[in-house]
Amino acid sequence: MFERVLELLNLGEVVDQAKSEAIVSLATLLYQADSKVKLSEQDLFAQFLIDLPWDNPYISKEVFHRQVIASSLSALKHGSVAEYLSSIVPALKSDPKVLVLLRDLAVADGNVSPEEADILSMVSRLMVE
């Protein structure tokens, strides 16, 4: 799954820090939405984090990801996903490859849950606003 993510993002291109952080945030939210995280997904996500460009001298990718886990779980628990997404999606600069990446992530476990479908729909709407 995340191999496709890396292909889609073509990390040979410049990916700025805000976009890297947004991608980590969205991918984390999406894999948490259906409460199903397979071991293979975890391993691939770990490799994805290694390969994702990162230029923040104040926080490592791993620490950022741990913070994102807490904040995205909170958004899911409290029904504030739309607000959470509105602060993240602008950094994607309406990159359609990221939307494809998120769709691939949503179907990685063989099923798109209603929660995942809602997140994809919100991201799509926010990308065109």
Protein backbone atom coordinates (compact mmCIF):
# COMPACT_ATOMS: atom_id res chain seq x y z
CA MET A 1 0.00 0.00 0.00
CA PHE A 2 2.60 2.59 1.01
CA GLU A 3 4.82 1.56 -1.89
CA ARG A 4 2.04 2.97 -4.06
CA VAL A 5 2.03 6.07 -1.85
CA LEU A 6 5.70 6.64 -2.58
CA GLU A 7 5.12 6.11 -6.30
CA LEU A 8 2.18 8.51 -6.31
CA LEU A 9 4.08 11.21 -4.50
CA ASN A 10 7.15 10.81 -6.69
CA LEU A 11 9.44 11.82 -3.88
CA GLY A 12 12.03 12.87 -6.41
CA GLU A 13 9.94 16.03 -6.67
CA VAL A 14 10.23 18.69 -4.03
CA VAL A 15 7.81 18.06 -1.16
CA ASP A 16 7.82 20.94 1.29
CA GLN A 17 7.61 20.47 5.04
CA ALA A 18 3.99 21.56 5.32
CA LYS A 19 2.96 19.02 2.70
CA SER A 20 4.96 16.24 4.40
CA GLU A 21 3.25 17.01 7.70
CA ALA A 22 -0.18 17.12 6.04
CA ILE A 23 0.40 13.77 4.36
CA VAL A 24 1.43 12.14 7.65
CA SER A 25 -1.60 13.68 9.38
CA LEU A 26 -4.10 12.59 6.74
CA ALA A 27 -2.70 9.09 6.33
CA THR A 28 -2.76 8.61 10.10
CA LEU A 29 -6.34 9.86 10.42
CA LEU A 30 -7.47 7.61 7.60
CA TYR A 31 -5.89 4.44 8.92
CA GLN A 32 -7.36 5.15 12.36
CA ALA A 33 -10.86 5.90 11.07
CA ASP A 34 -11.94 2.28 10.65
CA SER A 35 -10.09 1.03 13.75
CA LYS A 36 -8.30 -1.59 11.64
CA VAL A 37 -4.53 -1.35 11.39
CA LYS A 38 -2.86 -4.48 10.11
CA LEU A 39 0.75 -5.33 10.97
CA SER A 40 1.68 -5.06 7.29
CA GLU A 41 0.18 -1.56 7.20
CA GLN A 42 2.23 -0.59 10.24
CA ASP A 43 5.43 -1.90 8.65
CA LEU A 44 4.75 -0.09 5.39
CA PHE A 45 3.85 3.12 7.20
CA ALA A 46 7.16 2.92 9.08
CA GLN A 47 9.00 2.64 5.74
CA PHE A 48 6.90 5.47 4.34
CA LEU A 49 7.98 7.69 7.26
CA ILE A 50 11.62 6.84 6.60
CA ASP A 51 11.33 7.79 2.91
CA LEU A 52 9.17 10.92 3.29
CA PRO A 53 11.17 14.16 3.00
CA TRP A 54 11.45 15.93 6.34
CA ASP A 55 13.02 19.31 7.06
CA ASN A 56 11.88 20.24 10.55
CA PRO A 57 14.88 20.63 12.87
CA TYR A 58 12.63 20.96 15.91
CA ILE A 59 10.70 17.70 15.73
CA SER A 60 11.47 14.33 14.20
CA LYS A 61 9.03 12.50 11.94
CA GLU A 62 8.50 9.87 14.60
CA VAL A 63 7.65 12.38 17.34
CA PHE A 64 5.41 14.31 14.94
CA HIS A 65 3.63 11.07 14.04
CA ARG A 66 3.05 10.22 17.72
CA GLN A 67 1.53 13.68 18.25
CA VAL A 68 -0.64 13.26 15.18
CA ILE A 69 -1.91 9.90 16.46
CA ALA A 70 -3.21 11.60 19.59
CA SER A 71 -4.74 14.59 17.80
CA SER A 72 -6.41 12.54 15.05
CA LEU A 73 -7.84 10.08 17.58
CA SER A 74 -9.22 13.04 19.50
CA ALA A 75 -10.82 14.45 16.33
CA LEU A 76 -12.41 11.08 15.58
CA LYS A 77 -13.62 10.64 19.16
CA HIS A 78 -15.11 14.13 19.46
CA GLY A 79 -16.61 14.37 15.97
CA SER A 80 -14.34 17.25 14.99
CA VAL A 81 -12.81 15.69 11.87
CA ALA A 82 -13.95 18.55 9.60
CA GLU A 83 -12.15 21.11 11.77
CA TYR A 84 -9.09 18.87 11.97
CA LEU A 85 -9.00 18.51 8.18
CA SER A 86 -9.53 22.22 7.52
CA SER A 87 -6.19 22.95 9.15
CA ILE A 88 -4.36 20.23 7.19
CA VAL A 89 -5.73 20.12 3.65
CA PRO A 90 -4.52 23.58 2.48
CA ALA A 91 -0.90 22.38 2.72
CA LEU A 92 -1.63 19.79 0.04
CA LYS A 93 -1.99 22.55 -2.55
CA SER A 94 -4.83 20.60 -4.20
CA ASP A 95 -2.45 17.83 -5.27
CA PRO A 96 -4.66 15.14 -6.86
CA LYS A 97 -1.97 12.51 -6.24
CA VAL A 98 -2.57 12.84 -2.51
CA LEU A 99 -6.28 12.16 -2.95
CA VAL A 100 -5.46 9.02 -4.96
CA LEU A 101 -3.03 8.02 -2.22
CA LEU A 102 -5.73 8.42 0.44
CA ARG A 103 -8.21 6.39 -1.58
CA ASP A 104 -5.65 3.60 -1.94
CA LEU A 105 -5.02 3.71 1.80
CA ALA A 106 -8.74 3.50 2.53
CA VAL A 107 -9.17 0.33 0.46
CA ALA A 108 -5.95 -1.30 1.66
CA ASP A 109 -7.80 -3.48 4.17
CA GLY A 110 -10.32 -4.55 1.52
CA ASN A 111 -13.17 -2.33 2.66
CA VAL A 112 -13.90 1.39 2.73
CA SER A 113 -15.69 2.12 5.97
CA PRO A 114 -18.33 4.87 6.18
CA GLU A 115 -15.89 6.89 8.30
CA GLU A 116 -13.17 6.60 5.66
CA ALA A 117 -15.65 7.55 2.92
CA ASP A 118 -16.65 10.65 4.91
CA ILE A 119 -13.01 11.68 5.35
CA LEU A 120 -12.29 11.23 1.64
CA SER A 121 -15.35 13.29 0.77
CA MET A 122 -14.34 16.09 3.16
CA VAL A 123 -10.77 16.15 1.82
CA SER A 124 -12.10 16.33 -1.76
CA ARG A 125 -14.37 19.24 -0.91
CA LEU A 126 -11.65 21.12 0.97
CA MET A 127 -9.17 20.66 -1.87
CA VAL A 128 -11.44 22.52 -4.30
CA GLU A 129 -12.47 25.34 -1.99
